[in-house]
Amino acid sequence: MSSKNGDLTARARIRDAAIELFAERGVAAATVRDIADRAGVSSGLLRHHFGSKDGLREACDEYAMGKMTELRERLLGPDAMMDPAILAAVHPTAMRLQSYLVRSMMEGDSTALFDAAMESGRLWLSRAGFHPSDPEAYLAVLIAMKISMFLMRDQISHVLGEDTTTPAGHRRMLRASVEIFSRPLLTVEQGEQALKALDSLIPEQD
């Protein structure tokens, strides 16, 4: 984001600087002065555009969710996942925004962000042609599993010996997740047996 700061408006520079610092340090630890210094503006100009740190954070949430939806739409397009050019263009931006969104979700009211992720998940599910028995539970658990990769990035980085916030480390983490999701851990028969066992142990409530 910061490489093209000279081409951005002051408002956009402040927003991008906040996203970077919130992702790096956490929302609470990043001060208004830190963000203004990173953006190359005064604290007064930051307050002029966003009113307060809370106002800035809300603007960052809105921007990050909107941008992630836009990137996801590109990946959902015909044969988009097979286009290396699209993946290469998406990766750096997605990595920063995902890191930011997880930080923001964990340090504040996560309901709105999680609801937005669920809405995107519903769109993906409708296009995937897959019909889980409980779509809402399926998506909620899937989103939580994906978020956990970012919540535990320090532990994953330690095991890999490589920082997962760098392109190389992020690539290793995502490659592992792709392999996990592309190879079923259970056969169809094992899955059906497990579901039947769960239903017999914990029957649905009327």
Protein backbone atom coordinates (compact mmCIF):
# COMPACT_ATOMS: atom_id res chain seq x y z
CA MET A 1 0.00 0.00 0.00
CA SER A 2 2.67 2.47 1.02
CA SER A 3 4.67 2.15 -2.22
CA LYS A 4 2.23 4.39 -4.08
CA ASN A 5 1.38 6.84 -1.33
CA GLY A 6 2.33 9.78 -3.51
CA ASP A 7 -0.50 8.90 -5.90
CA LEU A 8 -3.17 8.73 -3.20
CA THR A 9 -5.31 11.38 -1.57
CA ALA A 10 -4.53 12.29 2.04
CA ARG A 11 -7.64 10.43 3.19
CA ALA A 12 -6.59 7.27 1.36
CA ARG A 13 -3.00 7.53 2.68
CA ILE A 14 -4.32 7.80 6.24
CA ARG A 15 -6.66 4.82 5.74
CA ASP A 16 -3.92 2.66 4.23
CA ALA A 17 -1.45 3.61 6.95
CA ALA A 18 -4.03 2.72 9.60
CA ILE A 19 -4.72 -0.67 8.01
CA GLU A 20 -0.98 -1.43 7.96
CA LEU A 21 -0.39 -0.35 11.56
CA PHE A 22 -3.54 -1.95 12.94
CA ALA A 23 -2.50 -5.23 11.28
CA GLU A 24 1.10 -4.97 12.53
CA ARG A 25 0.54 -3.80 16.11
CA GLY A 26 -3.13 -4.26 16.84
CA VAL A 27 -5.84 -1.61 16.95
CA ALA A 28 -5.27 -0.62 20.57
CA ALA A 29 -1.49 -0.27 20.24
CA ALA A 30 -1.48 1.89 17.09
CA THR A 31 -1.87 5.54 18.09
CA VAL A 32 -3.30 8.42 16.08
CA ARG A 33 0.16 10.00 15.99
CA ASP A 34 1.73 6.75 14.72
CA ILE A 35 -0.84 6.53 11.93
CA ALA A 36 -0.44 10.19 10.98
CA ASP A 37 3.36 9.82 10.89
CA ARG A 38 3.10 6.69 8.71
CA ALA A 39 0.76 8.54 6.34
CA GLY A 40 2.93 11.67 6.29
CA VAL A 41 0.18 13.96 7.58
CA SER A 42 -0.65 15.78 10.80
CA SER A 43 -2.82 14.33 13.55
CA GLY A 44 -5.18 17.25 12.99
CA LEU A 45 -5.70 16.27 9.35
CA LEU A 46 -6.46 12.70 10.42
CA ARG A 47 -9.14 13.96 12.79
CA HIS A 48 -10.46 16.30 10.10
CA HIS A 49 -11.09 13.36 7.76
CA PHE A 50 -12.21 10.70 10.25
CA GLY A 51 -13.16 12.49 13.46
CA SER A 52 -11.47 10.02 15.78
CA LYS A 53 -9.57 6.75 15.88
CA ASP A 54 -12.88 4.89 16.16
CA GLY A 55 -14.16 6.69 13.07
CA LEU A 56 -10.98 5.77 11.23
CA ARG A 57 -11.30 2.15 12.26
CA GLU A 58 -14.89 2.01 10.98
CA ALA A 59 -13.74 3.43 7.65
CA CYS A 60 -10.96 0.83 7.50
CA ASP A 61 -13.42 -1.98 8.23
CA GLU A 62 -15.76 -0.80 5.49
CA TYR A 63 -12.95 -0.41 2.97
CA ALA A 64 -11.29 -3.74 3.79
CA MET A 65 -14.53 -5.72 3.58
CA GLY A 66 -15.48 -4.01 0.33
CA LYS A 67 -12.07 -4.65 -1.21
CA MET A 68 -12.05 -8.30 -0.11
CA THR A 69 -15.51 -8.75 -1.68
CA GLU A 70 -14.19 -7.21 -4.90
CA LEU A 71 -11.16 -9.50 -4.93
CA ARG A 72 -13.32 -12.52 -4.13
CA GLU A 73 -15.56 -11.68 -7.09
CA ARG A 74 -12.51 -11.78 -9.34
CA LEU A 75 -11.54 -15.17 -7.98
CA LEU A 76 -15.08 -16.46 -8.48
CA GLY A 77 -15.07 -15.51 -12.14
CA PRO A 78 -14.85 -18.11 -14.95
CA ASP A 79 -11.49 -19.90 -14.74
CA ALA A 80 -10.11 -17.11 -12.52
CA MET A 81 -8.49 -19.52 -10.09
CA MET A 82 -6.48 -20.92 -13.01
CA ASP A 83 -5.09 -17.50 -14.00
CA PRO A 84 -1.68 -16.88 -12.37
CA ALA A 85 -1.84 -13.19 -13.29
CA ILE A 86 -4.99 -12.68 -11.22
CA LEU A 87 -3.62 -14.64 -8.28
CA ALA A 88 -0.37 -12.66 -8.38
CA ALA A 89 -2.24 -9.36 -8.43
CA VAL A 90 -4.61 -10.35 -5.65
CA HIS A 91 -2.13 -11.92 -3.23
CA PRO A 92 -0.31 -8.89 -1.69
CA THR A 93 -3.51 -6.92 -1.14
CA ALA A 94 -5.47 -9.87 0.21
CA MET A 95 -2.70 -10.75 2.64
CA ARG A 96 -2.69 -7.26 4.20
CA LEU A 97 -6.45 -6.94 4.33
CA GLN A 98 -6.98 -10.40 5.83
CA SER A 99 -4.42 -9.66 8.55
CA TYR A 100 -6.13 -6.36 9.29
CA LEU A 101 -9.65 -7.79 9.38
CA VAL A 102 -8.68 -10.53 11.82
CA ARG A 103 -7.03 -7.98 14.12
CA SER A 104 -10.06 -5.73 13.95
CA MET A 105 -12.45 -8.62 14.55
CA MET A 106 -10.56 -9.79 17.62
CA GLU A 107 -10.19 -6.33 19.21
CA GLY A 108 -13.72 -5.04 18.91
CA ASP A 109 -17.31 -5.93 18.13
CA SER A 110 -16.75 -8.77 15.68
CA THR A 111 -20.43 -9.34 14.88
CA ALA A 112 -20.64 -7.00 11.87
CA LEU A 113 -17.42 -8.30 10.30
CA PHE A 114 -18.39 -11.93 10.86
CA ASP A 115 -21.84 -11.27 9.40
CA ALA A 116 -20.20 -9.73 6.32
CA ALA A 117 -17.97 -12.80 5.97
CA MET A 118 -21.05 -15.02 6.26
CA GLU A 119 -22.81 -13.07 3.51
CA SER A 120 -19.83 -13.55 1.21
CA GLY A 121 -19.80 -17.22 2.15
CA ARG A 122 -23.45 -17.61 1.22
CA LEU A 123 -22.72 -16.14 -2.21
CA TRP A 124 -19.80 -18.53 -2.68
CA LEU A 125 -21.89 -21.50 -1.55
CA SER A 126 -24.70 -20.64 -3.95
CA ARG A 127 -22.23 -20.64 -6.83
CA ALA A 128 -20.33 -23.73 -5.70
CA GLY A 129 -23.33 -26.01 -6.22
CA PHE A 130 -22.64 -27.66 -2.89
CA HIS A 131 -25.49 -28.20 -0.42
CA PRO A 132 -24.35 -29.01 3.14
CA SER A 133 -26.98 -30.31 5.52
CA ASP A 134 -26.64 -27.19 7.69
CA PRO A 135 -25.32 -24.34 5.48
CA GLU A 136 -25.13 -21.74 8.26
CA ALA A 137 -23.14 -24.00 10.58
CA TYR A 138 -20.93 -25.10 7.68
CA LEU A 139 -20.02 -21.52 6.77
CA ALA A 140 -19.58 -20.31 10.35
CA VAL A 141 -17.16 -23.13 11.17
CA LEU A 142 -15.30 -22.72 7.86
CA ILE A 143 -14.84 -18.98 8.46
CA ALA A 144 -13.65 -19.61 12.02
CA MET A 145 -11.14 -22.18 10.76
CA LYS A 146 -9.75 -19.74 8.20
CA ILE A 147 -9.52 -16.95 10.78
CA SER A 148 -7.59 -19.23 13.12
CA MET A 149 -4.69 -19.34 10.65
CA PHE A 150 -4.21 -15.62 11.16
CA LEU A 151 -4.88 -15.68 14.90
CA MET A 152 -2.14 -18.27 15.34
CA ARG A 153 0.25 -16.81 12.80
CA ASP A 154 3.03 -16.46 15.41
CA GLN A 155 2.81 -20.17 16.27
CA ILE A 156 2.67 -21.17 12.59
CA SER A 157 5.61 -18.88 11.80
CA HIS A 158 7.59 -20.48 14.63
CA VAL A 159 7.00 -23.98 13.28
CA LEU A 160 7.76 -22.98 9.68
CA GLY A 161 10.81 -20.94 10.62
CA GLU A 162 9.38 -18.26 8.34
CA ASP A 163 7.16 -15.26 9.02
CA THR A 164 3.69 -15.89 7.55
CA THR A 165 3.17 -12.14 7.10
CA THR A 166 5.82 -12.20 4.35
CA PRO A 167 4.89 -13.36 0.83
CA ALA A 168 7.04 -16.50 1.14
CA GLY A 169 5.63 -17.52 4.53
CA HIS A 170 2.08 -16.64 3.51
CA ARG A 171 2.46 -18.80 0.40
CA ARG A 172 3.53 -21.80 2.48
CA MET A 173 0.58 -21.39 4.83
CA LEU A 174 -1.93 -21.04 1.98
CA ARG A 175 -0.45 -23.97 0.05
CA ALA A 176 -0.93 -26.13 3.14
CA SER A 177 -4.55 -24.98 3.49
CA VAL A 178 -5.23 -25.72 -0.20
CA GLU A 179 -3.87 -29.24 0.20
CA ILE A 180 -5.97 -29.78 3.33
CA PHE A 181 -9.18 -28.65 1.64
CA SER A 182 -8.47 -30.42 -1.66
CA ARG A 183 -7.93 -33.85 -0.08
CA PRO A 184 -10.83 -35.22 1.96
CA LEU A 185 -9.79 -36.47 5.38
CA LEU A 186 -12.75 -38.85 5.41
CA THR A 187 -14.20 -41.06 2.72
CA VAL A 188 -17.84 -40.53 1.79
CA GLU A 189 -18.75 -43.64 3.74
CA GLN A 190 -16.81 -42.52 6.83
CA GLY A 191 -18.46 -39.12 6.67
CA GLU A 192 -21.92 -40.62 6.49
CA GLN A 193 -21.16 -42.93 9.41
CA ALA A 194 -19.85 -40.03 11.49
CA LEU A 195 -22.97 -37.92 10.78
CA LYS A 196 -25.26 -40.81 11.70
CA ALA A 197 -23.31 -41.36 14.92
CA LEU A 198 -23.57 -37.67 15.84
CA ASP A 199 -27.31 -37.64 15.12
CA SER A 200 -27.83 -40.71 17.30
CA LEU A 201 -25.81 -39.25 20.20
CA ILE A 202 -27.16 -35.70 19.95
CA PRO A 203 -30.57 -35.76 18.25
CA GLU A 204 -31.94 -32.55 16.73
CA GLN A 205 -34.33 -30.58 18.88
CA ASP A 206 -37.86 -30.07 17.57
